[in-house]
Protein backbone atom coordinates (compact mmCIF):
# COMPACT_ATOMS: atom_id res chain seq x y z
CA UNK A 1 77.32 92.49 -170.16
CA UNK A 2 80.62 90.61 -170.15
CA UNK A 3 81.98 92.97 -167.52
CA UNK A 4 78.90 92.36 -165.36
CA UNK A 5 79.37 88.60 -165.72
CA UNK A 6 82.93 88.98 -164.44
CA UNK A 7 81.72 90.79 -161.32
CA UNK A 8 78.97 88.22 -160.76
CA UNK A 9 81.54 85.44 -161.09
CA UNK A 10 83.86 87.15 -158.60
CA UNK A 11 81.01 87.40 -156.09
CA UNK A 12 80.38 83.69 -156.61
CA UNK A 13 84.03 82.82 -156.06
CA UNK A 14 84.03 84.95 -152.90
CA UNK A 15 80.99 83.07 -151.55
CA UNK A 16 82.47 79.62 -152.26
CA UNK A 17 85.93 80.42 -150.93
CA UNK A 18 84.51 82.30 -147.95
CA UNK A 19 82.37 79.30 -146.99
CA UNK A 20 85.37 77.00 -147.27
CA UNK A 21 87.56 79.38 -145.26
CA UNK A 22 85.00 79.67 -142.47
CA UNK A 23 84.57 75.91 -142.36
CA UNK A 24 88.32 75.42 -142.03
CA UNK A 25 88.56 77.98 -139.24
CA UNK A 26 85.71 76.34 -137.34
CA UNK A 27 83.22 79.19 -137.70
CA UNK A 28 80.75 77.04 -139.65
CA UNK A 29 80.33 73.32 -140.23
CA UNK A 30 79.99 71.54 -143.54
CA UNK A 31 76.40 70.69 -142.59
CA UNK A 32 75.35 74.25 -141.67
CA UNK A 33 72.71 76.10 -143.65
CA UNK A 34 75.02 79.07 -144.25
CA UNK A 35 77.79 76.88 -145.65
CA UNK A 36 75.45 75.02 -147.99
CA UNK A 37 73.67 78.16 -149.21
CA UNK A 38 76.96 80.00 -149.79
CA UNK A 39 78.20 77.11 -151.90
CA UNK A 40 74.94 76.83 -153.83
CA UNK A 41 74.58 80.53 -154.61
CA UNK A 42 78.30 80.94 -155.22
CA UNK A 43 78.33 78.15 -157.77
CA UNK A 44 75.16 79.50 -159.42
CA UNK A 45 76.80 82.92 -159.80
CA UNK A 46 79.94 81.35 -161.24
CA UNK A 47 77.75 79.36 -163.64
CA UNK A 48 76.07 82.61 -164.71
CA UNK A 49 79.49 84.07 -165.53
CA UNK A 50 80.21 81.02 -167.70
CA UNK A 51 77.38 82.03 -170.04
CA UNK A 52 79.67 84.79 -171.31
CA UNK A 53 83.01 83.03 -170.79
CA UNK A 54 82.21 79.41 -171.65
CA UNK A 55 84.44 76.68 -170.28
CA UNK A 56 83.09 73.12 -170.20
CA UNK A 57 85.27 71.86 -167.36
CA UNK A 58 84.33 74.85 -165.18
CA UNK A 59 80.67 74.31 -166.00
CA UNK A 60 80.88 70.64 -165.00
CA UNK A 61 82.50 71.36 -161.64
CA UNK A 62 79.91 74.08 -160.90
CA UNK A 63 77.11 71.68 -161.86
CA UNK A 64 78.55 69.14 -159.40
CA UNK A 65 78.97 71.85 -156.73
CA UNK A 66 75.31 72.89 -157.11
CA UNK A 67 74.10 69.28 -157.03
CA UNK A 68 76.10 68.41 -153.93
CA UNK A 69 74.91 71.58 -152.17
CA UNK A 70 71.29 70.77 -152.99
CA UNK A 71 71.76 67.22 -151.68
CA UNK A 72 73.19 68.66 -148.47
CA UNK A 73 70.27 71.06 -148.10
CA UNK A 74 67.75 68.25 -148.59
CA UNK A 75 69.55 66.16 -145.97
CA UNK A 76 69.61 69.13 -143.57
CA UNK A 77 65.88 69.86 -144.01
CA UNK A 78 64.94 66.20 -143.60
CA UNK A 79 67.04 65.96 -140.44
CA UNK A 80 65.43 69.14 -139.12
CA UNK A 81 61.92 67.85 -139.89
CA UNK A 82 62.63 64.57 -138.10
CA UNK A 83 63.97 66.38 -135.05
CA UNK A 84 60.99 68.73 -134.66
CA UNK A 85 58.27 67.46 -132.38
CA UNK A 86 55.02 66.45 -134.03
CA UNK A 87 51.96 68.37 -132.85
CA UNK A 88 48.86 66.34 -132.09
CA UNK A 89 45.86 67.10 -134.28
């Protein structure tokens, strides 16, 4: 299971770094759904790998990364809901 956790963690790192790379090259924005979801799922996968390779400082940064991504998703969905036209009843 430790080997599996390494692979899961590597996938998580790939998602987080890929999102950052694409944001820096202008392919996505920091507010885009893809960027936020990549960061959220990437950090969750890294957190999973920490179950088998515990490191408190890594856990804390991944907890912050998840929290910030969730805040961004909430902001994005609220903004989207406000922008959509209301249908009359």
